[in-house]
Amino acid sequence: MPNLTIPKPANFSFRHTINSHGWYDLRPFELDAERNSLGYVFRLANDETPVFADIRERGGIIEIKTDARVPDAAALKSSVRHLLRLDDEIGEFYDAAAKLGKVTWASECFAGRLLRSATVFEDLIKTVCTTNCTWSVTRGMTTKLAENLGQETACGRRAFPTAEAMAAMPADFYRDVIRAGYRAEYLAEIAVAAADGKLDPESWLTSGLPTPELKKEMKRVKGVGDYAADNLLKLIGRYDGLALDSWLRAGFYKKHNRGKKCPDKKIERHYAKFDKWRGLAIWCDMTEDWFS
């Protein structure tokens, strides 16, 4: 089929977006650093075979090449826009950075859009898989989820599993096969709740709740604590929370506290003037050297 294209927003950097955080390293994403392209397996409808799409930037457009015919090109384009955050308005963050004289590199490079999955459910499961473990363990869990439960594409790749596919498996499967450890019960319970309609992560995208109330709602999901909730909030466009973990803390100590540990309150004060953008400010601050 012909390649699909999407106009690139003026204040958008494809390279900085696809490399914005570790999601590019988790299935069904595939990053090709040499080609500066991002692959992803999309499920556009429950009754369709998923498609693998290779996404690249060419001049002023985003180009999408798939491994099979796509009946609904508009749906695929919409999903790509969602992944790349093409419709996010972050000019206010750039203005705050310029005013405060901090993380100005992000506005200069048009960085700050954080890559996300096609669904909030997928981002929720992946976030739970990042808690209290090394990145290699997270990568292992998400790879096994796709390989064991994901629907196959025409080219043999696999999508991320649906809530229904995950709900069909007992907690022992997540413990023994996915090697999820203590997270096994959480993954099974989240999947069942989402499949039954008792949990609707997609509604978080358009929720009218104030951020503190939405965070409380997220934390009612077993396996989601402060860090996980703040991370999920960033992925739906709310940056009030810092999502502090050991990596961010260590980065702050090194960059702003002469390598010495300090209370979280000091970190919070450092970014307080960014107000509702403070979570994005700390992330851009700690990842600046990724793009040096």
Foldseek 3Di string as FASTA:
>chain_A
DDKDKDFADPLADLLQACVLDDPCLAPPWPADVVQSWIWHWDDQDPPDFIWIWIWDDDVRMIIIDIPDDDPDPVSVVVLVCLQSVRVDDCVLLCVLCVVVVALNVCSVNSHQHYGDHSALLVLLVLLLLPPPDDVVLSRQLRVQQQVPQFGAHPVGGGHRHALVSLLVDALVCCCPRSVSPPCSVLSNVSSVCVVVVVDDSRVLLVDPDDLVVVLVVVPVRPSDDDLSSCVSCVSSPWQQDQSDDPLLQQLCCVPPVVRDHDDVVVVCVVQCSSHRNSNSRSSSNSCVVVVD
